[in-house]
Amino acid sequence: MDVDIKLCKSGNQTWGIRLSGGADFSFPLTVVRVLLGGLADQAGIQAGDIITKINGETIHHLRHCEVHDRLVNAQKEVILTVVRNLKLERAV
């Protein structure tokens, strides 16, 4: 099930998530840590969520660093589309 989650920040706040994966890892971009009380936590992001879109743009073809740059450079808000409770196996 895809869920759109909007995060809004002010000042120098971080989004409050740590990610793993990306096209260069042959594994979907996955939230591995959520900062307790941070923006992502308050918005409902959970560890294990798989991010499929940023602001409506599909990201499965992007490398980890490209996704990181898009999140760092996002101004005050970002909409993450996530898939929750999906079991995947890493391609070897």
C-alpha atoms as a PDB file:
ATOM      1  CA  MET A   1       0.000   0.000   0.000  1.00  0.00           C
ATOM      2  CA  ASP A   2       1.425   3.386  -1.038  1.00  0.00           C
ATOM      3  CA  VAL A   3       1.120   6.194   1.492  1.00  0.00           C
ATOM      4  CA  ASP A   4       1.988   9.869   0.871  1.00  0.00           C
ATOM      5  CA  ILE A   5       3.557  11.533   3.903  1.00  0.00           C
ATOM      6  CA  LYS A   6       4.240  15.265   3.986  1.00  0.00           C
ATOM      7  CA  LEU A   7       7.129  16.559   6.084  1.00  0.00           C
ATOM      8  CA  CYS A   8       7.549  20.282   6.812  1.00  0.00           C
ATOM      9  CA  LYS A   9      10.584  21.864   8.433  1.00  0.00           C
ATOM     10  CA  SER A  10      11.772  25.264   9.526  1.00  0.00           C
ATOM     11  CA  GLY A  11      15.274  26.594   9.939  1.00  0.00           C
ATOM     12  CA  ASN A  12      18.083  24.050  10.017  1.00  0.00           C
ATOM     13  CA  GLN A  13      15.997  21.063  11.077  1.00  0.00           C
ATOM     14  CA  THR A  14      16.804  17.702   9.541  1.00  0.00           C
ATOM     15  CA  TRP A  15      14.165  15.322   8.218  1.00  0.00           C
ATOM     16  CA  GLY A  16      15.099  12.871  10.979  1.00  0.00           C
ATOM     17  CA  ILE A  17      15.607   9.691   8.939  1.00  0.00           C
ATOM     18  CA  ARG A  18      18.495   7.455   7.943  1.00  0.00           C
ATOM     19  CA  LEU A  19      18.199   5.620   4.633  1.00  0.00           C
ATOM     20  CA  SER A  20      19.749   2.553   3.057  1.00  0.00           C
ATOM     21  CA  GLY A  21      19.621   1.301  -0.523  1.00  0.00           C
ATOM     22  CA  GLY A  22      19.224   2.933  -3.902  1.00  0.00           C
ATOM     23  CA  ALA A  23      19.875   1.925  -7.511  1.00  0.00           C
ATOM     24  CA  ASP A  24      23.608   1.537  -6.825  1.00  0.00           C
ATOM     25  CA  PHE A  25      22.857  -1.036  -4.089  1.00  0.00           C
ATOM     26  CA  SER A  26      20.264  -3.055  -6.067  1.00  0.00           C
ATOM     27  CA  PHE A  27      17.955  -2.642  -3.084  1.00  0.00           C
ATOM     28  CA  PRO A  28      15.033  -0.220  -2.716  1.00  0.00           C
ATOM     29  CA  LEU A  29      15.582   2.947  -0.727  1.00  0.00           C
ATOM     30  CA  THR A  30      14.528   1.961   2.777  1.00  0.00           C
ATOM     31  CA  VAL A  31      14.168   3.888   6.037  1.00  0.00           C
ATOM     32  CA  VAL A  32      16.474   2.168   8.529  1.00  0.00           C
ATOM     33  CA  ARG A  33      16.251   4.663  11.400  1.00  0.00           C
ATOM     34  CA  VAL A  34      13.809   7.352  12.501  1.00  0.00           C
ATOM     35  CA  LEU A  35      14.877  10.020  14.991  1.00  0.00           C
ATOM     36  CA  LEU A  36      12.509   9.764  17.954  1.00  0.00           C
ATOM     37  CA  GLY A  37      10.497  12.984  18.153  1.00  0.00           C
ATOM     38  CA  GLY A  38      11.954  14.251  14.853  1.00  0.00           C
ATOM     39  CA  LEU A  39      10.016  15.470  11.832  1.00  0.00           C
ATOM     40  CA  ALA A  40       9.755  12.045  10.190  1.00  0.00           C
ATOM     41  CA  ASP A  41       8.618  10.446  13.450  1.00  0.00           C
ATOM     42  CA  GLN A  42       5.968  13.133  13.960  1.00  0.00           C
ATOM     43  CA  ALA A  43       4.756  12.655  10.363  1.00  0.00           C
ATOM     44  CA  GLY A  44       4.432   8.878  10.784  1.00  0.00           C
ATOM     45  CA  ILE A  45       7.485   7.568   8.895  1.00  0.00           C
ATOM     46  CA  GLN A  46       8.542   4.161  10.230  1.00  0.00           C
ATOM     47  CA  ALA A  47      11.722   2.111  10.032  1.00  0.00           C
ATOM     48  CA  GLY A  48      11.215  -0.391   7.225  1.00  0.00           C
ATOM     49  CA  ASP A  49       9.219   2.003   5.028  1.00  0.00           C
ATOM     50  CA  ILE A  50      10.352   1.842   1.402  1.00  0.00           C
ATOM     51  CA  ILE A  51      10.464   5.239  -0.297  1.00  0.00           C
ATOM     52  CA  THR A  52       9.189   5.046  -3.879  1.00  0.00           C
ATOM     53  CA  LYS A  53       8.695   8.744  -4.716  1.00  0.00           C
ATOM     54  CA  ILE A  54       9.903  12.160  -3.598  1.00  0.00           C
ATOM     55  CA  ASN A  55       7.493  14.992  -4.390  1.00  0.00           C
ATOM     56  CA  GLY A  56       5.700  12.749  -6.881  1.00  0.00           C
ATOM     57  CA  GLU A  57       8.872  11.736  -8.754  1.00  0.00           C
ATOM     58  CA  THR A  58       9.668   8.014  -8.943  1.00  0.00           C
ATOM     59  CA  ILE A  59      13.140   7.395  -7.504  1.00  0.00           C
ATOM     60  CA  HIS A  60      13.844   3.685  -8.133  1.00  0.00           C
ATOM     61  CA  HIS A  61      16.452   4.623 -10.783  1.00  0.00           C
ATOM     62  CA  LEU A  62      18.368   7.053  -8.523  1.00  0.00           C
ATOM     63  CA  ARG A  63      21.579   6.251  -6.680  1.00  0.00           C
ATOM     64  CA  HIS A  64      21.665   6.653  -2.905  1.00  0.00           C
ATOM     65  CA  CYS A  65      23.684   9.885  -3.099  1.00  0.00           C
ATOM     66  CA  GLU A  66      21.220  11.389  -5.607  1.00  0.00           C
ATOM     67  CA  VAL A  67      18.297  10.765  -3.267  1.00  0.00           C
ATOM     68  CA  HIS A  68      20.308  12.117  -0.342  1.00  0.00           C
ATOM     69  CA  ASP A  69      21.070  15.306  -2.288  1.00  0.00           C
ATOM     70  CA  ARG A  70      17.392  15.799  -3.176  1.00  0.00           C
ATOM     71  CA  LEU A  71      16.370  15.492   0.456  1.00  0.00           C
ATOM     72  CA  VAL A  72      19.157  17.757   1.724  1.00  0.00           C
ATOM     73  CA  ASN A  73      18.347  20.391  -0.905  1.00  0.00           C
ATOM     74  CA  ALA A  74      14.586  20.288  -0.340  1.00  0.00           C
ATOM     75  CA  GLN A  75      13.506  23.625   1.055  1.00  0.00           C
ATOM     76  CA  LYS A  76      10.742  23.563   3.657  1.00  0.00           C
ATOM     77  CA  GLU A  77       8.635  20.584   2.714  1.00  0.00           C
ATOM     78  CA  VAL A  78       8.837  17.232   1.018  1.00  0.00           C
ATOM     79  CA  ILE A  79       6.232  14.599   0.221  1.00  0.00           C
ATOM     80  CA  LEU A  80       7.508  11.040   0.499  1.00  0.00           C
ATOM     81  CA  THR A  81       5.525   8.191  -1.009  1.00  0.00           C
ATOM     82  CA  VAL A  82       6.259   5.055   0.971  1.00  0.00           C
ATOM     83  CA  VAL A  83       5.315   1.410   0.788  1.00  0.00           C
ATOM     84  CA  ARG A  84       4.796  -0.188   4.156  1.00  0.00           C
ATOM     85  CA  ASN A  85       4.887  -3.865   5.191  1.00  0.00           C
ATOM     86  CA  LEU A  86       6.436  -5.091   1.936  1.00  0.00           C
ATOM     87  CA  LYS A  87       8.835  -8.003   2.254  1.00  0.00           C
ATOM     88  CA  LEU A  88      11.731  -7.928  -0.201  1.00  0.00           C
ATOM     89  CA  GLU A  89      14.859  -9.983  -0.585  1.00  0.00           C
ATOM     90  CA  ARG A  90      18.137  -8.406  -1.599  1.00  0.00           C
ATOM     91  CA  ALA A  91      19.382  -9.413  -5.045  1.00  0.00           C
ATOM     92  CA  VAL A  92      22.852 -10.935  -4.847  1.00  0.00           C
END
